[in-house]
Protein backbone atom coordinates (compact mmCIF):
# COMPACT_ATOMS: atom_id res chain seq x y z
CA MET A 1 -43.29 -31.60 6.84
CA LEU A 2 -44.85 -28.32 7.96
CA ASP A 3 -46.67 -26.26 5.34
CA ASN A 4 -44.55 -23.24 6.27
CA PRO A 5 -41.31 -24.54 7.82
CA SER A 6 -39.00 -22.07 9.52
CA ILE A 7 -35.78 -20.75 8.02
CA MET A 8 -33.78 -22.94 10.39
CA MET A 9 -35.71 -26.10 9.54
CA ARG A 10 -35.15 -25.54 5.83
CA ALA A 11 -31.48 -24.75 6.47
CA ASP A 12 -31.06 -28.10 8.21
CA GLU A 13 -32.59 -29.84 5.22
CA TYR A 14 -30.87 -28.07 2.35
CA LEU A 15 -27.61 -26.41 3.46
CA LEU A 16 -24.25 -28.13 3.82
CA ASN A 17 -23.61 -28.59 7.53
CA ASN A 18 -20.12 -27.05 7.53
CA TYR A 19 -20.94 -24.17 9.91
CA SER A 20 -21.75 -24.24 13.61
CA ARG A 21 -24.67 -21.88 13.30
CA GLN A 22 -26.43 -20.41 16.32
CA PRO A 23 -30.18 -21.16 16.47
CA VAL A 24 -31.12 -17.71 15.22
CA ALA A 25 -32.41 -16.71 11.77
CA LEU A 26 -31.69 -13.04 11.09
CA ILE A 27 -33.91 -11.13 8.68
CA ARG A 28 -33.21 -7.43 9.19
CA GLY A 29 -30.46 -5.08 10.35
CA GLU A 30 -30.10 -1.40 11.13
CA GLY A 31 -26.96 0.20 12.52
CA SER A 32 -25.59 -1.95 15.33
CA TYR A 33 -28.77 -4.03 15.74
CA VAL A 34 -30.27 -7.03 13.94
CA TRP A 35 -33.67 -8.72 14.26
CA ASP A 36 -34.58 -12.38 13.92
CA GLU A 37 -37.64 -13.98 12.31
CA ASP A 38 -39.50 -13.80 15.64
CA GLY A 39 -38.90 -10.06 15.99
CA GLU A 40 -36.25 -10.33 18.71
CA ARG A 41 -33.58 -7.60 18.61
CA TYR A 42 -29.87 -8.26 19.16
CA LEU A 43 -26.90 -5.94 19.62
CA ASP A 44 -24.38 -7.09 17.02
CA PHE A 45 -20.86 -7.35 18.45
CA MET A 46 -19.86 -9.78 15.65
CA GLY A 47 -20.27 -7.33 12.79
CA GLY A 48 -20.52 -10.21 10.33
CA VAL A 49 -17.14 -11.37 11.69
CA ALA A 50 -15.45 -7.93 11.59
CA THR A 51 -17.11 -7.14 8.26
CA CYS A 52 -19.93 -4.59 8.77
CA ALA A 53 -17.62 -1.73 9.75
CA LEU A 54 -20.35 0.85 9.22
CA GLY A 55 -23.17 -1.24 10.65
CA HIS A 56 -26.14 -2.73 8.88
CA CYS A 57 -27.94 -1.00 6.02
CA HIS A 58 -26.05 2.29 6.30
CA PRO A 59 -28.27 4.74 4.37
CA ALA A 60 -25.44 6.20 2.29
CA LEU A 61 -24.23 2.72 1.28
CA VAL A 62 -27.76 1.56 0.47
CA GLU A 63 -28.21 4.55 -1.82
CA VAL A 64 -24.90 3.93 -3.61
CA ALA A 65 -25.73 0.25 -4.12
CA ARG A 66 -29.21 1.03 -5.38
CA ARG A 67 -27.92 3.62 -7.83
CA GLN A 68 -25.26 1.27 -9.19
CA LEU A 69 -27.72 -1.63 -9.49
CA GLU A 70 -29.83 0.57 -11.74
CA LEU A 71 -26.82 1.40 -13.91
CA LEU A 72 -24.71 -1.76 -14.28
CA TRP A 73 -24.08 -4.63 -11.90
CA HIS A 74 -21.67 -6.81 -13.87
CA THR A 75 -19.47 -6.34 -16.89
CA SER A 76 -16.36 -8.61 -16.48
CA ASN A 77 -12.75 -7.49 -16.45
CA HIS A 78 -12.51 -7.48 -20.22
CA PHE A 79 -13.72 -3.88 -19.94
CA HIS A 80 -13.05 -0.87 -17.74
CA SER A 81 -15.46 0.06 -14.95
CA GLN A 82 -15.57 3.45 -13.26
CA PRO A 83 -16.45 2.18 -9.73
CA GLN A 84 -13.53 -0.26 -9.87
CA VAL A 85 -11.06 2.41 -10.97
CA ASP A 86 -12.40 4.90 -8.41
CA LEU A 87 -11.86 2.47 -5.52
CA ALA A 88 -8.45 1.37 -6.80
CA GLN A 89 -7.31 4.98 -7.04
CA LYS A 90 -8.39 5.70 -3.46
CA LEU A 91 -6.72 2.58 -2.05
CA ALA A 92 -3.53 3.26 -3.99
CA LYS A 93 -3.30 6.81 -2.69
CA LEU A 94 -4.10 5.78 0.89
CA SER A 95 -1.64 2.86 0.89
CA GLY A 96 1.37 5.13 1.36
CA PHE A 97 3.17 3.46 -1.54
CA PRO A 98 4.98 5.83 -3.95
CA LYS A 99 2.97 4.08 -6.67
CA ALA A 100 0.57 1.20 -6.14
CA SER A 101 -1.44 -1.28 -8.17
CA VAL A 102 -4.67 -2.94 -7.02
CA PHE A 103 -6.17 -6.34 -7.90
CA PHE A 104 -9.81 -7.01 -6.98
CA CYS A 105 -11.36 -10.38 -6.18
CA ASN A 106 -14.22 -11.66 -3.99
CA SER A 107 -12.79 -12.74 -0.64
CA GLY A 108 -9.85 -12.52 1.71
CA ALA A 109 -8.61 -15.98 0.74
CA GLU A 110 -8.51 -14.91 -2.91
CA ALA A 111 -6.63 -11.74 -2.00
CA ASN A 112 -4.05 -13.78 -0.11
CA GLU A 113 -3.82 -16.26 -3.00
CA ALA A 114 -3.03 -13.34 -5.29
CA MET A 115 -0.20 -12.23 -3.00
CA LEU A 116 1.21 -15.76 -2.82
CA LYS A 117 1.19 -16.10 -6.60
CA LEU A 118 2.64 -12.63 -7.03
CA VAL A 119 5.69 -13.22 -4.84
CA ARG A 120 6.68 -16.41 -6.69
CA ARG A 121 6.55 -14.66 -10.05
CA ALA A 122 8.21 -11.52 -8.67
CA GLN A 123 11.17 -13.47 -7.28
CA LYS A 124 11.59 -15.31 -10.59
CA ASP A 125 11.50 -11.97 -12.43
CA ARG A 126 14.20 -10.73 -10.06
CA GLY A 127 16.41 -13.64 -11.10
CA HIS A 128 15.72 -15.89 -8.09
CA PRO A 129 13.73 -18.88 -9.44
CA GLY A 130 14.61 -20.95 -6.38
CA ARG A 131 12.82 -18.57 -4.03
CA TYR A 132 9.30 -19.83 -3.50
CA GLU A 133 8.83 -20.46 0.23
CA VAL A 134 6.81 -18.17 2.48
CA VAL A 135 7.48 -17.82 6.20
CA SER A 136 4.25 -17.41 8.15
CA PHE A 137 3.29 -17.78 11.79
CA LYS A 138 1.89 -20.28 14.20
CA GLY A 139 -1.61 -19.23 15.18
CA SER A 140 -2.19 -17.40 11.90
CA PHE A 141 -5.24 -17.69 9.67
CA HIS A 142 -5.13 -16.77 5.99
CA GLY A 143 -8.13 -18.48 4.36
CA ARG A 144 -9.84 -21.72 3.38
CA THR A 145 -8.35 -22.51 -0.03
CA LEU A 146 -5.68 -25.21 -0.13
CA ALA A 147 -2.82 -22.70 -0.46
CA THR A 148 -4.12 -20.36 2.24
CA VAL A 149 -4.81 -23.31 4.54
CA ALA A 150 -1.19 -24.34 3.97
CA ALA A 151 -0.11 -20.80 4.87
CA THR A 152 -2.26 -20.87 8.01
CA GLY A 153 -0.44 -21.79 11.21
CA GLN A 154 -3.22 -23.84 12.83
CA GLU A 155 -3.23 -27.60 12.40
CA LYS A 156 -6.97 -27.98 13.00
CA HIS A 157 -7.70 -26.27 9.68
CA LYS A 158 -5.43 -28.67 7.77
CA GLN A 159 -6.76 -32.00 9.04
CA GLY A 160 -8.19 -34.20 6.32
CA PHE A 161 -7.03 -31.98 3.46
CA GLU A 162 -3.50 -33.31 3.14
CA PRO A 163 -1.32 -33.27 1.17
CA LEU A 164 -1.30 -29.49 1.12
CA PRO A 165 0.69 -27.31 -1.30
CA ALA A 166 4.34 -27.09 -0.34
CA GLY A 167 6.29 -23.92 0.28
CA PHE A 168 5.30 -22.72 3.75
CA VAL A 169 7.34 -22.56 6.95
CA HIS A 170 5.72 -21.66 10.29
CA VAL A 171 7.49 -20.01 13.22
CA PRO A 172 6.32 -18.58 16.57
CA PHE A 173 4.44 -15.28 16.25
CA GLY A 174 6.45 -12.33 17.50
CA ASP A 175 9.82 -14.12 17.55
CA ILE A 176 12.11 -12.25 15.14
CA GLU A 177 15.05 -14.59 15.78
CA ALA A 178 12.92 -17.59 14.85
CA VAL A 179 12.04 -15.81 11.62
CA ARG A 180 15.68 -15.10 10.91
CA ALA A 181 16.60 -18.74 11.55
CA ALA A 182 13.84 -19.95 9.19
CA ILE A 183 15.11 -17.93 6.22
CA SER A 184 16.89 -20.01 3.59
CA PRO A 185 17.87 -19.65 -0.07
CA ARG A 186 14.32 -20.84 -0.86
CA THR A 187 12.58 -18.03 1.06
CA ALA A 188 10.61 -15.58 -1.07
CA ALA A 189 8.45 -13.69 1.43
CA ILE A 190 7.12 -13.30 4.95
CA LEU A 191 3.35 -13.28 5.52
CA VAL A 192 1.99 -11.75 8.73
CA GLU A 193 -1.18 -10.42 10.37
CA PRO A 194 -0.86 -7.30 12.56
CA ILE A 195 -3.34 -9.03 14.91
CA GLN A 196 -4.04 -12.74 14.76
CA GLY A 197 -7.80 -12.54 14.95
CA GLU A 198 -8.83 -16.17 14.57
CA SER A 199 -6.52 -17.63 17.20
CA GLY A 200 -7.40 -15.33 20.08
CA VAL A 201 -6.99 -11.69 18.97
CA ARG A 202 -3.24 -11.67 19.55
CA GLU A 203 -1.44 -8.46 18.57
CA ALA A 204 2.10 -8.54 17.22
CA PRO A 205 4.58 -7.27 19.83
CA ALA A 206 5.57 -3.64 19.48
CA GLY A 207 8.32 -3.27 16.87
CA PHE A 208 7.81 -6.75 15.40
CA LEU A 209 6.39 -5.62 12.05
CA LYS A 210 9.15 -3.05 11.73
CA ALA A 211 11.75 -5.72 12.45
CA LEU A 212 10.19 -7.96 9.78
CA SER A 213 10.31 -5.09 7.30
CA GLN A 214 13.98 -4.49 8.00
CA LEU A 215 14.74 -8.20 7.73
CA CYS A 216 13.02 -8.40 4.35
CA GLU A 217 15.02 -5.45 3.10
CA GLU A 218 18.27 -7.05 4.26
CA GLN A 219 17.49 -10.44 2.71
CA GLY A 220 15.78 -9.36 -0.52
CA LEU A 221 12.41 -10.77 0.63
CA LEU A 222 8.90 -9.42 0.16
CA LEU A 223 6.80 -8.55 3.20
CA LEU A 224 3.12 -9.45 2.83
CA VAL A 225 0.60 -8.16 5.37
CA ASP A 226 -2.78 -9.82 5.78
CA GLU A 227 -5.13 -6.91 6.63
CA ILE A 228 -8.34 -8.84 6.03
CA GLN A 229 -9.51 -8.43 9.63
CA THR A 230 -7.45 -5.44 10.76
CA GLY A 231 -7.82 -3.30 7.65
CA MET A 232 -10.35 -0.55 6.92
CA GLY A 233 -10.15 1.24 10.25
CA ARG A 234 -10.73 -1.67 12.62
CA THR A 235 -7.67 -0.85 14.79
CA GLY A 236 -7.97 2.95 14.72
CA LYS A 237 -5.72 3.25 11.66
CA LEU A 238 -6.92 2.60 8.13
CA PHE A 239 -4.45 -0.31 7.88
CA GLY A 240 -2.93 -2.16 10.81
CA PHE A 241 0.66 -1.90 9.53
CA GLN A 242 0.42 1.89 9.82
CA HIS A 243 0.80 1.60 13.60
CA GLU A 244 4.41 0.55 12.93
CA GLY A 245 5.10 3.12 10.22
CA ILE A 246 6.15 0.54 7.63
CA LEU A 247 5.36 -0.16 3.98
CA PRO A 248 5.02 -3.83 3.00
CA ALA A 249 5.49 -5.09 -0.53
CA ALA A 250 1.79 -5.96 -0.67
CA PHE A 251 -1.22 -6.27 1.59
CA SER A 252 -4.62 -7.92 1.38
CA LEU A 253 -8.05 -6.52 2.19
CA ALA A 254 -11.59 -7.96 2.33
CA LYS A 255 -14.24 -8.08 5.09
CA SER A 256 -15.00 -4.38 5.81
CA LEU A 257 -13.86 -3.08 2.43
CA SER A 258 -17.44 -3.06 1.10
CA ASN A 259 -19.19 -3.37 4.46
CA GLY A 260 -20.35 -6.93 3.84
CA LEU A 261 -20.68 -7.14 0.07
CA PRO A 262 -18.34 -9.81 -1.31
CA ILE A 263 -14.99 -8.24 -2.21
CA GLY A 264 -11.28 -8.76 -1.73
CA ALA A 265 -8.29 -6.73 -2.82
CA MET A 266 -4.53 -7.01 -3.09
CA VAL A 267 -2.66 -3.71 -2.97
CA CYS A 268 0.97 -3.94 -4.04
CA HIS A 269 3.98 -1.84 -4.99
CA ALA A 270 3.79 -1.01 -8.67
CA ASP A 271 7.34 -2.28 -9.21
CA ILE A 272 6.30 -5.89 -8.50
CA ALA A 273 2.84 -5.60 -10.07
CA ALA A 274 4.39 -6.20 -13.50
CA SER A 275 4.98 -9.82 -12.43
CA LEU A 276 1.29 -10.53 -13.00
CA PRO A 277 0.87 -9.56 -16.66
CA PRO A 278 -2.33 -10.15 -18.70
CA GLY A 279 -3.49 -13.75 -18.47
CA SER A 280 -1.44 -14.64 -15.37
CA HIS A 281 -4.23 -14.19 -12.81
CA GLY A 282 -7.89 -13.21 -12.75
CA SER A 283 -11.32 -13.33 -11.16
CA THR A 284 -14.67 -13.44 -12.98
CA PHE A 285 -16.56 -11.39 -10.40
CA GLY A 286 -13.57 -9.46 -9.01
CA GLY A 287 -14.10 -5.72 -8.92
CA ASN A 288 -17.86 -6.05 -9.37
CA PRO A 289 -19.35 -2.57 -10.02
CA VAL A 290 -21.78 -2.72 -7.09
CA ALA A 291 -19.20 -3.96 -4.57
CA THR A 292 -16.57 -1.44 -5.67
CA ALA A 293 -19.05 1.45 -5.74
CA VAL A 294 -20.03 0.68 -2.16
CA GLY A 295 -16.37 0.15 -1.22
CA SER A 296 -15.53 3.58 -2.59
CA LYS A 297 -18.18 5.14 -0.36
CA VAL A 298 -16.92 3.13 2.63
CA VAL A 299 -13.45 4.61 2.07
CA ASP A 300 -14.92 8.12 1.86
CA ILE A 301 -16.66 7.69 5.21
CA LEU A 302 -13.69 6.08 6.97
CA THR A 303 -11.37 8.88 5.85
CA GLN A 304 -13.58 11.71 7.08
CA GLU A 305 -11.82 14.04 9.50
CA HIS A 306 -11.50 12.57 13.01
CA PHE A 307 -13.33 9.32 12.10
CA LEU A 308 -10.40 7.02 12.89
CA GLU A 309 -9.47 9.07 15.95
CA GLU A 310 -12.97 8.38 17.22
CA VAL A 311 -12.53 4.65 16.59
CA ALA A 312 -9.35 4.73 18.67
CA ARG A 313 -11.14 6.66 21.44
CA LYS A 314 -14.00 4.17 21.52
CA GLY A 315 -11.42 1.41 21.63
CA ASP A 316 -10.03 2.90 24.84
CA VAL A 317 -13.56 3.12 26.28
CA PHE A 318 -14.13 -0.54 25.35
CA LEU A 319 -10.86 -1.63 26.95
CA GLN A 320 -11.53 0.15 30.23
CA ARG A 321 -15.03 -1.32 30.41
CA LEU A 322 -13.77 -4.83 29.68
CA LEU A 323 -11.08 -4.50 32.35
CA LYS A 324 -13.87 -3.78 34.84
CA THR A 325 -15.54 -6.99 33.70
CA GLN A 326 -12.28 -8.84 34.32
CA GLN A 327 -12.16 -7.42 37.85
CA LYS A 328 -15.79 -8.47 38.40
CA PHE A 329 -15.18 -12.04 37.13
CA PRO A 330 -11.53 -12.71 38.02
CA THR A 331 -11.84 -16.50 37.91
CA LEU A 332 -13.57 -16.51 34.52
CA VAL A 333 -11.82 -13.71 32.58
CA LYS A 334 -8.10 -14.41 32.18
CA GLU A 335 -7.04 -11.65 29.77
CA VAL A 336 -8.38 -8.83 27.58
CA ARG A 337 -6.54 -8.28 24.28
CA GLY A 338 -6.98 -6.13 21.21
CA LYS A 339 -6.91 -2.69 19.65
CA GLY A 340 -9.48 -0.21 18.35
CA LEU A 341 -12.76 -2.11 17.95
CA LEU A 342 -11.36 -5.62 17.78
CA TRP A 343 -11.26 -7.31 21.19
CA GLY A 344 -10.63 -10.78 22.51
CA ILE A 345 -11.61 -11.85 26.03
CA GLU A 346 -9.79 -15.02 27.02
CA LEU A 347 -11.79 -17.14 29.43
CA ALA A 348 -10.93 -19.98 31.79
CA LEU A 349 -13.35 -22.28 29.94
CA ALA A 350 -14.57 -23.12 26.46
CA VAL A 351 -16.53 -20.32 24.84
CA GLY A 352 -19.45 -22.33 23.44
CA PRO A 353 -21.75 -21.99 26.48
CA VAL A 354 -20.78 -18.33 26.88
CA LEU A 355 -21.77 -17.49 23.30
CA ALA A 356 -25.10 -19.27 23.80
CA HIS A 357 -25.76 -17.23 26.93
CA CYS A 358 -24.76 -14.04 25.07
CA THR A 359 -27.41 -14.78 22.45
CA GLU A 360 -29.97 -15.36 25.20
CA ALA A 361 -28.99 -11.92 26.56
CA SER A 362 -29.61 -10.38 23.08
CA LEU A 363 -25.92 -9.98 22.27
CA LEU A 364 -24.23 -11.53 19.22
CA ALA A 365 -20.57 -12.48 19.68
CA ILE A 366 -18.17 -14.99 18.17
CA SER A 367 -15.25 -17.11 19.25
CA ALA A 368 -11.58 -16.63 18.43
CA GLY A 369 -10.06 -19.97 19.26
CA GLU A 370 -11.18 -22.42 21.95
CA ASN A 371 -11.33 -20.06 24.92
CA THR A 372 -11.63 -16.51 23.58
CA VAL A 373 -14.76 -14.47 22.92
CA ARG A 374 -14.26 -11.95 20.11
CA PHE A 375 -16.00 -8.60 19.73
CA ALA A 376 -15.78 -6.86 16.33
CA PRO A 377 -18.72 -4.43 16.24
CA SER A 378 -19.56 -1.56 13.92
CA LEU A 379 -17.06 1.30 14.03
CA LEU A 380 -20.10 3.56 14.46
CA LEU A 381 -20.90 1.90 17.80
CA THR A 382 -21.78 4.44 20.50
CA ASP A 383 -20.40 4.59 24.03
CA GLU A 384 -23.90 3.70 25.25
CA GLN A 385 -23.94 0.60 23.05
CA ILE A 386 -20.54 -0.43 24.39
CA GLU A 387 -22.02 -0.28 27.88
CA GLU A 388 -25.16 -2.13 26.78
CA GLY A 389 -23.15 -4.89 25.14
CA VAL A 390 -20.70 -5.42 27.98
CA GLU A 391 -23.56 -5.52 30.47
CA SER A 392 -25.17 -8.27 28.37
CA PHE A 393 -21.82 -10.08 28.28
CA GLU A 394 -21.65 -9.90 32.06
CA LYS A 395 -25.16 -11.36 32.27
CA ALA A 396 -23.94 -14.24 30.12
CA LEU A 397 -20.95 -14.78 32.42
CA SER A 398 -23.22 -14.65 35.48
CA ARG A 399 -25.28 -17.55 34.10
CA LEU A 400 -22.20 -19.77 34.29
């Protein structure tokens, strides 16, 4: 064994091999760029998988985290914490709900678990103990726990983990009549993503979320929106459901909420929040003071005047530039999909070799399904960096 083995060599020896990691060891980040252990610089179009909404090591976030670390970095939820309450208050007011309650946890899967538990208790409290099933969608992705894998509409994530928890029905994404046909006396809720990020960046058809909202109102169901990837400004609105002008019963957040620090949140109508009384649900590290302090600052920055308008504008710039790429590589690029700064480029081949060539061209990207390259960069990305990144992507395509 070498006296000073590399990060990657030690990773191979000591880490569980459950990730398909690229052969790059990152050690530093600033804005939209990261550097590896050899000093090579990369333009980050992954954003920690749609997580670093404000880029790497944003000075204002670093200062907030440092200040909170010097004050208090853990207390448990047996006590009140100002950063937690501050962030909850901001999310509640921004949700659009007449009155909202917020539960904090550590990940998107935990936030979705909280919603799934909430709807079962809420339906029982409404006098419907037989309502426990959740309708979700083929192609969806809701997490890696057993319940959220069961909710996910992709068989590849379920293989080997059977039997999974019961209570989930999957229908085609965007098909309101299929949803209607799937509703039974057992149905408690509908769970949906505004954009299915993990299966190819597939946006819900216009009017679909509104139709789901109306259907839930008609049938006495609860609409749950998974905003883990689309939330916190990614689509040009703070939350993806706002494009349809609806209010769900609850929605989940994670990823960009604290710009990469571990956090998840469920935001729900206060009238169903009572169904999770003391002792019914919890999280040891949920609402950690450092993560919530940084999350509060993230919200402040995202809600600055014209910030989200600028995200939408850059999204249009990105789309037009990617459409030029499609024209340049018509046999390779089948379709460009997305909104704001979340884009999927469907290719006529598997994405593995393309991602490897992107890395060689100093661009970090990620897949979204078998044939789709996904871009989810910092929302602070400049027009020049969009051009730089797409040019690198074209270099990668040229090497094929």
